[in-house]
Amino acid sequence: MSDTKYFTEEGLLKLKKELEELISKERPKISQMIAEARDKGDLSENAEYDAAKDAQGMLELKISKLQDLVINARVIDESKMDITKVLLLSKVTIKNLNNGASLTYLLVPEKESDVKSGKISVNSPIAKGLLGKSVGDHATITVPSGNITFEIVEISR
């Protein structure tokens, strides 16, 4: 039973590219490894053959999961997003009321998160605390180091 996952257009293209690479490059590479190991003789004591078959099984599992993800993926229409509240795909600037530091994050689906580029998962503690808030609202969020209160400074797309 599969469930729908939401992606940005960029995120879905990245996923499709990864799937295509696994199918077109990695699958033939592992098939070649199996063929070479098979040519070495007795398969019952051939560690190379066993390792190649294990790698093939793992690759096929990964391909299957990615195919399922792509089939059930839905692209989020950013043009219909409400920018008066913090939602998925909102770019939100927040101010830490404890130390005055300002941070800007883009809230993205979990598979697209990349903290280094300012993209945080909507499932992260900070994003969960910001969801549904408007400019000027305060959000007290529990993080590993304790509670931090943020003020929503700006919301954009």
Protein backbone atom coordinates (compact mmCIF):
# COMPACT_ATOMS: atom_id res chain seq x y z
CA MET A 1 0.00 0.00 0.00
CA SER A 2 1.53 3.26 -1.16
CA ASP A 3 0.89 6.74 0.07
CA THR A 4 1.22 10.06 -1.71
CA LYS A 5 4.34 12.11 -1.08
CA TYR A 6 4.57 15.77 -2.04
CA PHE A 7 7.55 17.30 -3.80
CA THR A 8 8.61 20.52 -5.39
CA GLU A 9 9.14 20.29 -9.13
CA GLU A 10 12.90 20.47 -8.54
CA GLY A 11 12.78 17.71 -5.93
CA LEU A 12 10.81 15.35 -8.17
CA LEU A 13 13.19 15.93 -11.09
CA LYS A 14 16.13 15.11 -8.81
CA LEU A 15 14.41 11.90 -7.70
CA LYS A 16 13.70 10.87 -11.30
CA LYS A 17 17.32 11.57 -12.28
CA GLU A 18 18.58 9.38 -9.42
CA LEU A 19 16.24 6.57 -10.48
CA GLU A 20 17.35 6.80 -14.11
CA GLU A 21 21.01 6.65 -13.07
CA LEU A 22 20.43 3.55 -10.95
CA ILE A 23 18.65 1.81 -13.81
CA SER A 24 20.92 2.87 -16.67
CA LYS A 25 24.34 2.81 -14.96
CA GLU A 26 24.33 0.89 -11.68
CA ARG A 27 22.17 -2.05 -12.80
CA PRO A 28 24.43 -2.90 -15.81
CA LYS A 29 27.54 -2.45 -13.64
CA ILE A 30 26.29 -5.02 -11.10
CA SER A 31 25.22 -7.41 -13.89
CA GLN A 32 28.76 -7.22 -15.24
CA MET A 33 30.19 -7.94 -11.78
CA ILE A 34 27.95 -11.01 -11.48
CA ALA A 35 28.98 -12.25 -14.92
CA GLU A 36 32.68 -11.84 -14.11
CA ALA A 37 32.30 -13.64 -10.78
CA ARG A 38 30.33 -16.45 -12.44
CA ASP A 39 33.14 -16.93 -14.97
CA LYS A 40 35.56 -17.69 -12.12
CA GLY A 41 34.06 -21.12 -11.53
CA ASP A 42 32.41 -22.82 -8.56
CA LEU A 43 29.63 -20.54 -7.31
CA SER A 44 29.17 -22.35 -3.99
CA GLU A 45 32.45 -20.93 -2.63
CA ASN A 46 32.68 -17.74 -4.66
CA ALA A 47 32.63 -14.72 -2.31
CA GLU A 48 32.72 -12.27 -5.23
CA TYR A 49 29.58 -13.83 -6.68
CA ASP A 50 27.79 -13.72 -3.33
CA ALA A 51 28.78 -10.09 -2.79
CA ALA A 52 27.64 -9.12 -6.29
CA LYS A 53 24.30 -10.88 -5.83
CA ASP A 54 23.81 -9.12 -2.47
CA ALA A 55 24.62 -5.77 -4.11
CA GLN A 56 22.14 -6.58 -6.87
CA GLY A 57 19.41 -7.31 -4.32
CA MET A 58 20.05 -4.05 -2.49
CA LEU A 59 20.06 -2.09 -5.75
CA GLU A 60 16.80 -3.66 -6.92
CA LEU A 61 15.18 -2.84 -3.58
CA LYS A 62 16.31 0.78 -3.86
CA ILE A 63 15.06 1.01 -7.46
CA SER A 64 11.72 -0.46 -6.44
CA LYS A 65 11.30 2.03 -3.60
CA LEU A 66 12.23 4.98 -5.82
CA GLN A 67 9.84 3.81 -8.55
CA ASP A 68 7.04 3.58 -6.00
CA LEU A 69 7.90 7.06 -4.72
CA VAL A 70 7.91 8.55 -8.24
CA ILE A 71 4.63 6.87 -9.19
CA ASN A 72 2.88 8.23 -6.10
CA ALA A 73 4.57 11.65 -6.11
CA ARG A 74 2.58 14.82 -6.45
CA VAL A 75 4.05 18.22 -7.31
CA ILE A 76 2.93 21.08 -5.10
CA ASP A 77 1.46 24.05 -6.98
CA GLU A 78 3.29 26.98 -5.42
CA SER A 79 1.06 29.55 -7.16
CA LYS A 80 -1.89 28.53 -4.98
CA MET A 81 0.00 28.83 -1.70
CA ASP A 82 -1.28 31.19 1.00
CA ILE A 83 1.58 33.45 2.10
CA THR A 84 -0.22 34.89 5.11
CA LYS A 85 0.61 31.76 7.14
CA VAL A 86 3.65 29.51 7.40
CA LEU A 87 2.99 26.43 5.27
CA LEU A 88 4.92 23.87 3.24
CA LEU A 89 7.15 25.75 0.74
CA SER A 90 6.97 28.97 2.75
CA LYS A 91 10.18 30.93 2.98
CA VAL A 92 10.08 32.25 6.51
CA THR A 93 12.35 34.69 8.30
CA ILE A 94 12.34 34.27 12.06
CA LYS A 95 14.02 36.17 14.87
CA ASN A 96 15.33 34.33 17.91
CA LEU A 97 13.99 36.39 20.79
CA ASN A 98 16.62 34.94 23.17
CA ASN A 99 19.66 36.23 21.27
CA GLY A 100 18.26 38.49 18.52
CA ALA A 101 19.61 36.37 15.65
CA SER A 102 17.56 36.22 12.45
CA LEU A 103 17.30 33.08 10.34
CA THR A 104 15.58 32.36 7.04
CA TYR A 105 14.34 28.89 6.17
CA LEU A 106 12.43 27.33 3.32
CA LEU A 107 10.05 24.63 4.58
CA VAL A 108 10.24 21.66 2.21
CA PRO A 109 9.12 18.02 2.06
CA GLU A 110 11.29 15.73 4.16
CA LYS A 111 13.19 14.18 1.22
CA GLU A 112 14.25 17.64 -0.01
CA SER A 113 15.64 19.04 3.24
CA ASP A 114 19.17 20.46 3.16
CA VAL A 115 19.99 22.54 6.21
CA LYS A 116 23.19 23.91 4.64
CA SER A 117 21.13 25.59 1.91
CA GLY A 118 18.43 26.76 4.32
CA LYS A 119 15.85 24.09 3.45
CA ILE A 120 14.35 22.41 6.49
CA SER A 121 11.89 19.54 6.60
CA VAL A 122 8.31 20.37 7.54
CA ASN A 123 8.69 17.46 9.97
CA SER A 124 11.53 19.13 11.88
CA PRO A 125 10.80 20.55 15.36
CA ILE A 126 11.37 24.15 14.21
CA ALA A 127 9.11 23.82 11.16
CA LYS A 128 6.37 22.08 13.17
CA GLY A 129 6.44 24.97 15.64
CA LEU A 130 6.15 27.56 12.86
CA LEU A 131 3.41 25.92 10.77
CA GLY A 132 0.17 27.90 10.72
CA LYS A 133 1.71 31.02 12.29
CA SER A 134 1.50 34.51 10.73
CA VAL A 135 3.86 37.49 10.64
CA GLY A 136 4.24 38.92 14.14
CA ASP A 137 3.27 35.66 15.87
CA HIS A 138 5.59 34.10 18.43
CA ALA A 139 6.43 30.41 18.51
CA THR A 140 8.11 28.68 21.43
CA ILE A 141 9.86 25.62 20.09
CA THR A 142 11.44 22.80 22.07
CA VAL A 143 14.86 21.89 20.69
CA PRO A 144 17.54 19.63 22.19
CA SER A 145 19.12 22.59 24.03
CA GLY A 146 15.80 23.72 25.55
CA ASN A 147 12.99 26.09 24.57
CA ILE A 148 13.56 28.90 22.09
CA THR A 149 11.03 31.62 21.30
CA PHE A 150 10.95 32.92 17.75
CA GLU A 151 9.04 35.79 16.18
CA ILE A 152 7.83 35.42 12.59
CA VAL A 153 9.32 38.41 10.75
CA GLU A 154 8.44 37.62 7.12
CA ILE A 155 6.72 34.95 5.03
CA SER A 156 7.24 34.65 1.29
CA ARG A 157 7.30 32.10 -1.48
